[in-house]
Protein backbone atom coordinates (compact mmCIF):
# COMPACT_ATOMS: atom_id res chain seq x y z
CA UNK A 1 0.00 0.00 0.00
CA UNK A 2 1.07 3.61 -0.44
CA UNK A 3 2.63 5.23 2.60
CA UNK A 4 2.06 8.76 1.37
CA UNK A 5 0.36 10.79 -1.26
CA UNK A 6 1.45 14.16 -2.58
CA UNK A 7 -0.61 17.25 -1.78
CA UNK A 8 1.71 19.82 -3.40
CA UNK A 9 5.20 19.96 -4.86
CA UNK A 10 6.89 20.27 -1.47
CA UNK A 11 4.16 19.09 0.88
CA UNK A 12 3.34 15.46 1.60
CA UNK A 13 0.48 13.65 3.27
CA UNK A 14 1.29 10.39 4.99
CA UNK A 15 -1.24 7.62 5.52
CA UNK A 16 -1.13 4.64 7.80
CA UNK A 17 -0.45 1.60 5.67
CA UNK A 18 2.64 -0.09 7.15
CA UNK A 19 5.28 -1.39 4.77
CA UNK A 20 6.59 -4.03 7.13
CA UNK A 21 5.57 -5.69 10.35
CA UNK A 22 7.19 -7.75 13.07
CA UNK A 23 5.22 -10.63 14.62
CA UNK A 24 4.84 -10.81 18.36
CA UNK A 25 7.46 -12.76 20.29
CA UNK A 26 5.84 -12.29 23.70
CA UNK A 27 4.55 -15.37 25.59
CA UNK A 28 0.85 -14.56 25.28
CA UNK A 29 -1.82 -17.10 26.08
CA UNK A 30 -2.88 -19.18 23.10
CA UNK A 31 -6.40 -17.81 22.57
CA UNK A 32 -7.24 -20.67 20.21
CA UNK A 33 -6.82 -23.21 23.00
CA UNK A 34 -8.81 -21.34 25.65
CA UNK A 35 -12.26 -22.59 26.68
CA UNK A 36 -14.20 -19.42 25.93
CA UNK A 37 -17.48 -20.83 27.25
CA UNK A 38 -15.99 -20.60 30.75
CA UNK A 39 -14.08 -17.31 30.50
CA UNK A 40 -15.72 -14.27 32.06
CA UNK A 41 -13.01 -11.66 31.45
CA UNK A 42 -9.94 -11.55 29.22
CA UNK A 43 -7.12 -9.02 29.48
CA UNK A 44 -5.17 -7.99 26.39
CA UNK A 45 -1.93 -6.09 25.86
CA UNK A 46 -1.32 -4.24 22.60
CA UNK A 47 1.92 -2.48 21.68
CA UNK A 48 2.52 -0.65 18.41
CA UNK A 49 5.25 1.43 16.89
CA UNK A 50 4.97 3.66 13.82
CA UNK A 51 8.27 5.05 12.54
CA UNK A 52 8.59 7.43 9.60
CA UNK A 53 11.99 7.68 7.90
CA UNK A 54 12.81 10.57 5.54
CA UNK A 55 15.69 11.21 3.12
CA UNK A 56 16.42 14.48 4.93
CA UNK A 57 14.83 17.02 7.29
CA UNK A 58 11.12 17.82 7.19
CA UNK A 59 9.24 20.76 8.66
CA UNK A 60 5.86 21.57 10.19
CA UNK A 61 4.77 17.96 10.73
CA UNK A 62 1.13 17.65 11.74
CA UNK A 63 0.23 14.06 12.57
CA UNK A 64 -3.12 12.49 13.44
CA UNK A 65 -3.21 9.16 15.26
CA UNK A 66 -6.35 7.07 15.81
CA UNK A 67 -4.71 4.08 17.47
CA UNK A 68 -6.10 4.14 21.04
CA UNK A 69 -9.76 3.13 21.60
CA UNK A 70 -12.28 5.10 23.69
CA UNK A 71 -12.62 4.19 27.36
CA UNK A 72 -15.45 1.75 26.60
CA UNK A 73 -16.63 0.08 23.38
CA UNK A 74 -19.32 -2.53 23.92
CA UNK A 75 -17.82 -5.29 26.10
CA UNK A 76 -14.38 -3.72 25.80
CA UNK A 77 -12.80 -1.44 28.43
CA UNK A 78 -9.52 0.45 28.16
CA UNK A 79 -7.60 0.08 31.44
CA UNK A 80 -4.40 2.02 30.70
CA UNK A 81 -2.53 3.43 27.75
CA UNK A 82 0.66 5.28 26.90
CA UNK A 83 1.62 7.26 23.81
CA UNK A 84 5.23 8.31 23.31
CA UNK A 85 6.70 10.49 20.57
CA UNK A 86 10.43 10.26 19.90
CA UNK A 87 10.88 13.98 19.26
CA UNK A 88 11.30 16.29 22.29
CA UNK A 89 9.77 19.08 20.19
CA UNK A 90 6.42 17.32 19.84
CA UNK A 91 3.23 18.95 21.13
CA UNK A 92 0.32 16.51 21.56
CA UNK A 93 -3.39 17.13 22.08
CA UNK A 94 -6.14 14.57 22.61
CA UNK A 95 -9.69 15.02 21.37
CA UNK A 96 -12.75 13.00 20.39
CA UNK A 97 -13.72 13.12 16.72
CA UNK A 98 -17.22 13.29 15.24
CA UNK A 99 -17.65 9.52 15.62
CA UNK A 100 -16.50 9.34 19.24
CA UNK A 101 -13.00 8.06 18.48
CA UNK A 102 -10.01 9.01 20.62
CA UNK A 103 -7.82 11.17 18.38
CA UNK A 104 -4.29 12.35 19.06
CA UNK A 105 -2.94 15.31 17.10
CA UNK A 106 0.79 15.89 17.19
CA UNK A 107 2.66 18.96 15.96
CA UNK A 108 6.44 18.84 15.43
CA UNK A 109 8.16 21.91 13.93
CA UNK A 110 11.22 20.01 12.70
CA UNK A 111 12.29 16.39 12.22
CA UNK A 112 15.82 15.53 11.12
CA UNK A 113 15.39 12.15 9.44
CA UNK A 114 13.02 9.99 11.48
CA UNK A 115 10.26 10.11 14.04
CA UNK A 116 8.51 7.33 15.94
CA UNK A 117 5.15 7.08 17.66
CA UNK A 118 4.88 4.25 20.20
CA UNK A 119 1.76 3.08 22.00
CA UNK A 120 1.06 0.55 24.70
CA UNK A 121 -2.36 -0.26 26.09
CA UNK A 122 -4.12 -2.77 28.33
CA UNK A 123 -7.70 -3.70 27.44
CA UNK A 124 -10.26 -5.95 29.09
CA UNK A 125 -13.24 -7.65 27.49
CA UNK A 126 -16.14 -8.79 29.67
CA UNK A 127 -18.05 -11.81 28.36
CA UNK A 128 -20.44 -12.33 31.30
CA UNK A 129 -23.13 -9.83 30.31
CA UNK A 130 -24.28 -8.62 26.94
CA UNK A 131 -22.83 -5.21 26.16
CA UNK A 132 -24.71 -4.16 23.08
CA UNK A 133 -23.43 -1.04 21.35
CA UNK A 134 -26.46 1.24 21.13
CA UNK A 135 -26.83 4.39 19.06
CA UNK A 136 -29.55 6.96 18.64
CA UNK A 137 -31.45 7.01 15.38
CA UNK A 138 -29.75 10.29 14.48
CA UNK A 139 -26.29 8.77 14.95
CA UNK A 140 -27.22 5.60 13.07
CA UNK A 141 -28.46 7.51 10.04
CA UNK A 142 -25.02 9.12 9.64
CA UNK A 143 -23.77 5.75 8.40
CA UNK A 144 -26.41 5.25 5.72
CA UNK A 145 -25.04 7.51 2.99
CA UNK A 146 -22.38 6.36 0.54
CA UNK A 147 -18.92 7.90 0.68
CA UNK A 148 -16.31 8.22 -2.05
CA UNK A 149 -14.74 4.89 -1.03
CA UNK A 150 -18.10 3.10 -0.74
CA UNK A 151 -20.02 4.57 -3.69
CA UNK A 152 -21.87 1.75 -5.53
CA UNK A 153 -22.01 0.83 -9.19
CA UNK A 154 -24.62 -1.18 -11.08
CA UNK A 155 -23.12 -4.51 -9.97
CA UNK A 156 -23.24 -3.59 -6.28
CA UNK A 157 -26.77 -2.25 -6.64
CA UNK A 158 -27.92 -5.50 -8.27
CA UNK A 159 -26.37 -7.62 -5.52
CA UNK A 160 -27.90 -5.45 -2.80
CA UNK A 161 -31.37 -5.65 -4.32
CA UNK A 162 -31.15 -9.41 -4.76
CA UNK A 163 -29.98 -10.01 -1.19
CA UNK A 164 -32.57 -7.64 0.27
CA UNK A 165 -35.41 -9.53 -1.42
CA UNK A 166 -34.25 -12.71 0.35
CA UNK A 167 -32.98 -11.22 3.62
CA UNK A 168 -34.88 -8.03 4.55
CA UNK A 169 -33.82 -7.95 8.23
CA UNK A 170 -30.53 -6.24 9.21
CA UNK A 171 -28.81 -9.17 10.90
CA UNK A 172 -29.66 -11.78 8.29
CA UNK A 173 -28.81 -9.31 5.53
CA UNK A 174 -25.39 -8.68 7.12
CA UNK A 175 -24.63 -12.41 7.16
CA UNK A 176 -25.72 -12.78 3.54
CA UNK A 177 -23.73 -9.74 2.38
CA UNK A 178 -20.65 -10.95 4.23
CA UNK A 179 -21.00 -14.38 2.63
CA UNK A 180 -21.28 -12.84 -0.83
CA UNK A 181 -18.21 -10.64 -0.37
CA UNK A 182 -16.20 -13.50 1.12
CA UNK A 183 -17.02 -15.85 -1.75
CA UNK A 184 -16.50 -13.19 -4.43
CA UNK A 185 -13.22 -11.66 -3.32
CA UNK A 186 -9.73 -13.16 -3.04
CA UNK A 187 -7.45 -11.82 -0.31
CA UNK A 188 -4.39 -10.53 -2.19
CA UNK A 189 -1.55 -8.22 -1.23
CA UNK A 190 -0.36 -5.41 -3.46
CA UNK A 191 -3.30 -5.01 -5.84
CA UNK A 192 -5.13 -2.23 -3.99
CA UNK A 193 -4.19 0.81 -1.92
CA UNK A 194 -5.91 2.74 0.84
CA UNK A 195 -7.40 4.96 -1.89
CA UNK A 196 -9.01 2.06 -3.78
CA UNK A 197 -12.80 2.34 -3.91
CA UNK A 198 -15.28 -0.48 -3.38
CA UNK A 199 -16.15 -0.61 -7.07
CA UNK A 200 -12.49 -0.74 -8.11
CA UNK A 201 -11.73 -3.56 -5.67
CA UNK A 202 -14.81 -5.49 -6.77
CA UNK A 203 -13.78 -5.15 -10.41
CA UNK A 204 -10.43 -6.75 -9.56
CA UNK A 205 -12.09 -9.36 -7.30
CA UNK A 206 -9.00 -8.98 -5.11
CA UNK A 207 -7.98 -6.86 -2.16
CA UNK A 208 -7.37 -6.56 1.56
CA UNK A 209 -9.63 -6.31 4.59
CA UNK A 210 -10.48 -2.65 3.99
CA UNK A 211 -11.62 -3.54 0.47
CA UNK A 212 -13.85 -6.34 1.77
CA UNK A 213 -15.31 -3.92 4.31
CA UNK A 214 -15.89 -1.15 1.75
CA UNK A 215 -17.70 -3.51 -0.63
CA UNK A 216 -19.92 -4.83 2.16
CA UNK A 217 -20.66 -1.27 3.34
CA UNK A 218 -21.66 -0.29 -0.19
CA UNK A 219 -24.02 -3.27 -0.43
CA UNK A 220 -25.61 -2.57 2.95
CA UNK A 221 -26.16 1.11 2.23
CA UNK A 222 -27.71 0.49 -1.18
CA UNK A 223 -30.19 -1.82 0.56
CA UNK A 224 -31.12 1.01 2.93
CA UNK A 225 -29.18 -0.16 5.99
CA UNK A 226 -26.90 1.96 8.12
CA UNK A 227 -23.49 0.33 8.42
CA UNK A 228 -20.11 1.49 9.66
CA UNK A 229 -16.45 0.66 9.14
CA UNK A 230 -14.57 -0.70 12.15
CA UNK A 231 -10.81 -0.46 12.55
CA UNK A 232 -9.10 -2.70 15.07
CA UNK A 233 -6.97 -5.78 15.55
CA UNK A 234 -7.36 -9.50 15.07
CA UNK A 235 -5.02 -11.59 17.19
CA UNK A 236 -2.52 -13.50 15.10
CA UNK A 237 -2.29 -10.82 12.41
CA UNK A 238 0.71 -8.53 12.07
CA UNK A 239 -1.18 -5.44 10.99
CA UNK A 240 -4.48 -3.79 11.82
CA UNK A 241 -7.76 -5.31 10.67
CA UNK A 242 -11.12 -4.00 9.47
CA UNK A 243 -14.67 -5.30 9.64
CA UNK A 244 -18.26 -4.02 9.46
CA UNK A 245 -21.07 -3.24 11.87
CA UNK A 246 -24.58 -3.11 10.46
CA UNK A 247 -26.98 -1.04 12.57
CA UNK A 248 -30.49 -2.27 13.26
CA UNK A 249 -33.34 -0.70 15.26
CA UNK A 250 -34.38 -2.12 18.64
CA UNK A 251 -37.79 -2.15 20.32
CA UNK A 252 -36.92 0.81 22.56
CA UNK A 253 -36.03 3.18 19.73
CA UNK A 254 -32.26 2.84 19.86
CA UNK A 255 -30.09 1.17 17.22
CA UNK A 256 -27.86 -1.83 17.85
CA UNK A 257 -24.49 -2.52 16.21
CA UNK A 258 -24.09 -6.05 14.79
CA UNK A 259 -20.45 -6.86 13.99
CA UNK A 260 -19.38 -9.19 11.20
CA UNK A 261 -16.05 -9.68 9.43
CA UNK A 262 -16.44 -10.24 5.66
CA UNK A 263 -12.73 -11.00 5.19
CA UNK A 264 -13.13 -14.12 7.31
CA UNK A 265 -16.96 -14.37 7.05
CA UNK A 266 -17.61 -14.67 10.77
CA UNK A 267 -19.00 -12.79 13.72
CA UNK A 268 -16.74 -10.87 16.06
CA UNK A 269 -14.96 -13.28 18.41
CA UNK A 270 -12.73 -12.84 21.51
CA UNK A 271 -9.79 -12.47 19.11
CA UNK A 272 -10.99 -9.01 18.01
CA UNK A 273 -10.16 -5.62 19.55
CA UNK A 274 -11.96 -2.49 18.38
CA UNK A 275 -10.06 0.79 18.00
CA UNK A 276 -12.35 3.13 16.04
CA UNK A 277 -15.49 3.41 13.90
CA UNK A 278 -16.32 5.59 10.92
CA UNK A 279 -18.02 5.71 7.55
CA UNK A 280 -14.99 4.23 5.78
CA UNK A 281 -11.21 3.87 6.07
CA UNK A 282 -10.55 7.54 5.33
CA UNK A 283 -12.43 8.60 8.46
CA UNK A 284 -10.27 6.54 10.80
CA UNK A 285 -6.93 5.84 9.16
CA UNK A 286 -4.66 4.86 12.07
CA UNK A 287 -1.95 7.38 11.18
CA UNK A 288 -2.13 10.30 8.78
CA UNK A 289 -0.11 13.47 8.61
CA UNK A 290 1.11 16.38 6.56
CA UNK A 291 4.56 17.97 6.42
CA UNK A 292 6.68 20.25 4.25
CA UNK A 293 9.66 18.83 2.36
CA UNK A 294 10.65 18.09 -1.26
CA UNK A 295 10.39 14.33 -0.70
CA UNK A 296 8.18 11.72 0.91
CA UNK A 297 8.78 9.49 3.92
CA UNK A 298 8.47 5.76 4.44
CA UNK A 299 6.43 4.19 7.22
CA UNK A 300 7.59 1.13 9.17
CA UNK A 301 5.27 -0.45 11.71
CA UNK A 302 5.54 -3.15 14.35
CA UNK A 303 2.88 -4.71 16.57
CA UNK A 304 2.65 -7.08 19.50
CA UNK A 305 -0.80 -8.10 20.69
CA UNK A 306 -2.17 -10.91 22.77
CA UNK A 307 -4.06 -12.11 25.82
CA UNK A 308 -2.11 -11.90 29.06
CA UNK A 309 -4.72 -13.12 31.58
CA UNK A 310 -8.22 -14.58 31.81
CA UNK A 311 -10.78 -14.88 34.59
CA UNK A 312 -13.09 -17.86 34.78
CA UNK A 313 -16.66 -17.59 35.94
CA UNK A 314 -18.96 -18.09 32.98
CA UNK A 315 -20.92 -21.27 32.36
CA UNK A 316 -22.71 -22.07 29.14
């Protein structure tokens, strides 16, 4: 994937698609061998590093990071987190964006040749009680309109109409749409970028998790459903992951998020950690920035993630 795109002759925008990753070497618990029917709480540790390397000095770097989740997301609770910037000149502010995501904005007046952003967080997931993610109708409707990356074409419209005739309810439609995307697409590196639209990826029939998610979002929205893009992590993968939440109304007037992963065609499991939600990838790219220099930089990323402890107490 591209690590930058040019905004002007001497100004560059960087986007968060890592060029290389390092698998975890920490002795995490093997989540595949755990008896999840008996586990009440699981504790996760996630460490990431994003390092940009430049051919020479850059100036007026303005970086946005969406790599730390909100305090609570459904059954997920953020216990602690740290964010470190390698430059002593960095000025960092923390805000919440329009979708409720924790957003760090970092300003650095000058970088010689490299800068690194390092995060460490501890997250718990509680599996004892149902923690449905509920939205107001107003919030849910924000995810119904197509975006540039999820705009449909005639093929997507035809698929959406056909699936809706068979599966008119949100949850069953989400499963059917996920199945269609999973069976249609082939997971392939290097054929798409973070700027690739749903229609372009579908034409190739190849892509990465964000392409699967964008195609499924386009299908859901054509059928009249609100659906949002989720950025997070799947244990066992070296980079970030993406999946979809379709939003369906409840009896009390709120809207419930139903998560499904079209890349793997399955529901969200204990192996998933949510970081952010938006209309598409562009809303919540993990790391984006702009700086002034006559050249671009290269992004290198590492990640270690896994389960460090579990608490028993659930019987099914």
